[in-house]
Amino acid sequence: MRRIALTVSLLALAATPGFAQQVQGNWSCRDANATRAGILTIYGSVYGFASTTFGDPSSGTGAIMGYQDGVGFSDGPLRAARNVQAGRVIPDPNHGVAMQLETSDAIVMLCTPR
């Protein structure tokens, strides 16, 4: 009985980092017109966004909060300049997963792993 409880506990702990790893890394983002918008980098509780447009106010770093299906943007330039509130991880037939960046009204960017 103890072995089963120990095994279940270890498996649960081993699966927990999987949620965080699913969003961490570099994402290549495209806007609603399928035009390259920039690179989104997520590590831990911070993000960085580098727009393809020189001087774009949405470029910079900010804070995020991890959720089961993606991240929530707490502050930073994406939140301030583009009103991005969430990044949801969705299935993608070409890349396995994609992240759609959303405002309260619409999906503004689709990002795929790099």
C-alpha atoms as a PDB file:
ATOM      1  CA  MET A   1       0.000   0.000   0.000  1.00  0.00           C
ATOM      2  CA  ARG A   2       2.819   2.400   0.852  1.00  0.00           C
ATOM      3  CA  ARG A   3       4.554   1.620  -2.431  1.00  0.00           C
ATOM      4  CA  ILE A   4       1.425   2.545  -4.392  1.00  0.00           C
ATOM      5  CA  ALA A   5       1.002   5.815  -2.485  1.00  0.00           C
ATOM      6  CA  LEU A   6       4.672   6.674  -2.971  1.00  0.00           C
ATOM      7  CA  THR A   7       4.523   5.857  -6.691  1.00  0.00           C
ATOM      8  CA  VAL A   8       1.393   7.972  -7.193  1.00  0.00           C
ATOM      9  CA  SER A   9       2.984  10.878  -5.301  1.00  0.00           C
ATOM     10  CA  LEU A  10       6.152  10.736  -7.374  1.00  0.00           C
ATOM     11  CA  LEU A  11       4.208  10.570 -10.635  1.00  0.00           C
ATOM     12  CA  ALA A  12       2.124  13.594  -9.631  1.00  0.00           C
ATOM     13  CA  LEU A  13       5.258  15.578  -8.790  1.00  0.00           C
ATOM     14  CA  ALA A  14       6.927  14.568 -12.043  1.00  0.00           C
ATOM     15  CA  ALA A  15       3.919  15.725 -14.097  1.00  0.00           C
ATOM     16  CA  THR A  16       3.693  19.182 -12.471  1.00  0.00           C
ATOM     17  CA  PRO A  17       6.631  20.761 -14.389  1.00  0.00           C
ATOM     18  CA  GLY A  18       4.931  19.720 -17.634  1.00  0.00           C
ATOM     19  CA  PHE A  19       2.433  22.562 -17.347  1.00  0.00           C
ATOM     20  CA  ALA A  20       5.182  25.159 -17.026  1.00  0.00           C
ATOM     21  CA  GLN A  21       7.315  23.646 -19.779  1.00  0.00           C
ATOM     22  CA  GLN A  22       4.479  23.730 -22.267  1.00  0.00           C
ATOM     23  CA  VAL A  23       4.688  27.552 -22.532  1.00  0.00           C
ATOM     24  CA  GLN A  24       8.350  28.245 -21.768  1.00  0.00           C
ATOM     25  CA  GLY A  25      10.690  29.076 -24.621  1.00  0.00           C
ATOM     26  CA  ASN A  26      10.592  31.119 -27.808  1.00  0.00           C
ATOM     27  CA  TRP A  27       7.435  31.655 -29.860  1.00  0.00           C
ATOM     28  CA  SER A  28       7.223  33.142 -33.345  1.00  0.00           C
ATOM     29  CA  CYS A  29       4.096  35.324 -33.493  1.00  0.00           C
ATOM     30  CA  ARG A  30       1.909  36.402 -36.407  1.00  0.00           C
ATOM     31  CA  ASP A  31      -0.886  38.967 -36.290  1.00  0.00           C
ATOM     32  CA  ALA A  32      -4.479  38.648 -37.549  1.00  0.00           C
ATOM     33  CA  ASN A  33      -3.295  39.157 -41.159  1.00  0.00           C
ATOM     34  CA  ALA A  34      -0.755  36.298 -40.827  1.00  0.00           C
ATOM     35  CA  THR A  35       2.055  38.878 -41.001  1.00  0.00           C
ATOM     36  CA  ARG A  36       5.102  38.348 -38.787  1.00  0.00           C
ATOM     37  CA  ALA A  37       4.526  40.308 -35.593  1.00  0.00           C
ATOM     38  CA  GLY A  38       7.526  39.375 -33.450  1.00  0.00           C
ATOM     39  CA  ILE A  39       9.167  36.908 -31.077  1.00  0.00           C
ATOM     40  CA  LEU A  40       7.688  36.101 -27.664  1.00  0.00           C
ATOM     41  CA  THR A  41      10.029  34.565 -25.081  1.00  0.00           C
ATOM     42  CA  ILE A  42       8.652  33.095 -21.855  1.00  0.00           C
ATOM     43  CA  TYR A  43      10.749  31.832 -18.933  1.00  0.00           C
ATOM     44  CA  GLY A  44       9.396  31.388 -15.440  1.00  0.00           C
ATOM     45  CA  SER A  45       7.151  34.293 -14.512  1.00  0.00           C
ATOM     46  CA  VAL A  46       8.520  36.807 -17.058  1.00  0.00           C
ATOM     47  CA  TYR A  47       8.181  37.376 -20.771  1.00  0.00           C
ATOM     48  CA  GLY A  48       9.921  39.395 -23.433  1.00  0.00           C
ATOM     49  CA  PHE A  49       8.428  40.491 -26.732  1.00  0.00           C
ATOM     50  CA  ALA A  50      10.463  41.788 -29.672  1.00  0.00           C
ATOM     51  CA  SER A  51       8.263  43.290 -32.367  1.00  0.00           C
ATOM     52  CA  THR A  52       9.282  43.191 -36.019  1.00  0.00           C
ATOM     53  CA  THR A  53       8.370  46.894 -36.251  1.00  0.00           C
ATOM     54  CA  PHE A  54      11.137  49.268 -35.148  1.00  0.00           C
ATOM     55  CA  GLY A  55      10.106  51.407 -32.164  1.00  0.00           C
ATOM     56  CA  ASP A  56       6.916  49.441 -31.487  1.00  0.00           C
ATOM     57  CA  PRO A  57       5.747  50.244 -27.922  1.00  0.00           C
ATOM     58  CA  SER A  58       4.674  46.609 -27.415  1.00  0.00           C
ATOM     59  CA  SER A  59       8.334  45.472 -27.349  1.00  0.00           C
ATOM     60  CA  GLY A  60       9.856  44.871 -23.932  1.00  0.00           C
ATOM     61  CA  THR A  61       9.510  42.699 -20.851  1.00  0.00           C
ATOM     62  CA  GLY A  62       6.763  42.057 -18.340  1.00  0.00           C
ATOM     63  CA  ALA A  63       5.302  39.645 -15.820  1.00  0.00           C
ATOM     64  CA  ILE A  64       3.016  36.667 -16.420  1.00  0.00           C
ATOM     65  CA  MET A  65       1.071  34.235 -14.290  1.00  0.00           C
ATOM     66  CA  GLY A  66       0.934  30.570 -15.284  1.00  0.00           C
ATOM     67  CA  TYR A  67      -2.395  28.842 -15.793  1.00  0.00           C
ATOM     68  CA  GLN A  68      -3.260  25.281 -16.707  1.00  0.00           C
ATOM     69  CA  ASP A  69      -4.023  26.197 -20.330  1.00  0.00           C
ATOM     70  CA  GLY A  70      -1.486  29.013 -20.818  1.00  0.00           C
ATOM     71  CA  VAL A  71      -0.510  32.306 -19.200  1.00  0.00           C
ATOM     72  CA  GLY A  72      -2.057  35.566 -18.049  1.00  0.00           C
ATOM     73  CA  PHE A  73      -0.231  38.830 -18.775  1.00  0.00           C
ATOM     74  CA  SER A  74       0.020  40.850 -15.538  1.00  0.00           C
ATOM     75  CA  ASP A  75       1.863  43.885 -16.861  1.00  0.00           C
ATOM     76  CA  GLY A  76       4.409  44.990 -19.411  1.00  0.00           C
ATOM     77  CA  PRO A  77       4.231  46.347 -22.929  1.00  0.00           C
ATOM     78  CA  LEU A  78       1.954  43.707 -24.464  1.00  0.00           C
ATOM     79  CA  ARG A  79      -0.599  44.421 -21.773  1.00  0.00           C
ATOM     80  CA  ALA A  80      -0.219  48.216 -21.978  1.00  0.00           C
ATOM     81  CA  ALA A  81       0.184  48.752 -25.740  1.00  0.00           C
ATOM     82  CA  ARG A  82      -1.945  45.925 -27.171  1.00  0.00           C
ATOM     83  CA  ASN A  83      -4.183  45.053 -24.209  1.00  0.00           C
ATOM     84  CA  VAL A  84      -3.134  41.379 -24.357  1.00  0.00           C
ATOM     85  CA  GLN A  85      -4.593  39.642 -21.327  1.00  0.00           C
ATOM     86  CA  ALA A  86      -4.014  35.932 -21.923  1.00  0.00           C
ATOM     87  CA  GLY A  87      -2.027  33.441 -23.944  1.00  0.00           C
ATOM     88  CA  ARG A  88      -3.876  30.145 -24.400  1.00  0.00           C
ATOM     89  CA  VAL A  89      -2.107  26.998 -25.563  1.00  0.00           C
ATOM     90  CA  ILE A  90      -4.108  25.270 -28.288  1.00  0.00           C
ATOM     91  CA  PRO A  91      -3.459  22.236 -30.522  1.00  0.00           C
ATOM     92  CA  ASP A  92      -1.868  23.011 -33.887  1.00  0.00           C
ATOM     93  CA  PRO A  93      -1.691  20.456 -36.704  1.00  0.00           C
ATOM     94  CA  ASN A  94       1.648  21.775 -38.036  1.00  0.00           C
ATOM     95  CA  HIS A  95       3.586  22.503 -34.818  1.00  0.00           C
ATOM     96  CA  GLY A  96       1.848  20.323 -32.237  1.00  0.00           C
ATOM     97  CA  VAL A  97       0.892  23.336 -30.119  1.00  0.00           C
ATOM     98  CA  ALA A  98       0.360  27.052 -30.630  1.00  0.00           C
ATOM     99  CA  MET A  99      -0.382  29.944 -28.314  1.00  0.00           C
ATOM    100  CA  GLN A 100      -3.086  32.437 -29.148  1.00  0.00           C
ATOM    101  CA  LEU A 101      -2.691  35.863 -27.556  1.00  0.00           C
ATOM    102  CA  GLU A 102      -6.054  37.333 -26.637  1.00  0.00           C
ATOM    103  CA  THR A 103      -7.572  40.621 -25.546  1.00  0.00           C
ATOM    104  CA  SER A 104     -10.983  40.687 -23.884  1.00  0.00           C
ATOM    105  CA  ASP A 105     -12.553  41.012 -27.363  1.00  0.00           C
ATOM    106  CA  ALA A 106     -10.460  39.081 -29.866  1.00  0.00           C
ATOM    107  CA  ILE A 107      -7.470  36.915 -30.698  1.00  0.00           C
ATOM    108  CA  VAL A 108      -4.717  39.322 -31.782  1.00  0.00           C
ATOM    109  CA  MET A 109      -1.776  37.002 -32.451  1.00  0.00           C
ATOM    110  CA  LEU A 110      -1.001  33.342 -33.007  1.00  0.00           C
ATOM    111  CA  CYS A 111       2.405  32.168 -31.833  1.00  0.00           C
ATOM    112  CA  THR A 112       4.131  28.892 -32.715  1.00  0.00           C
ATOM    113  CA  PRO A 113       7.204  27.332 -31.072  1.00  0.00           C
ATOM    114  CA  ARG A 114      10.576  28.202 -32.561  1.00  0.00           C
END
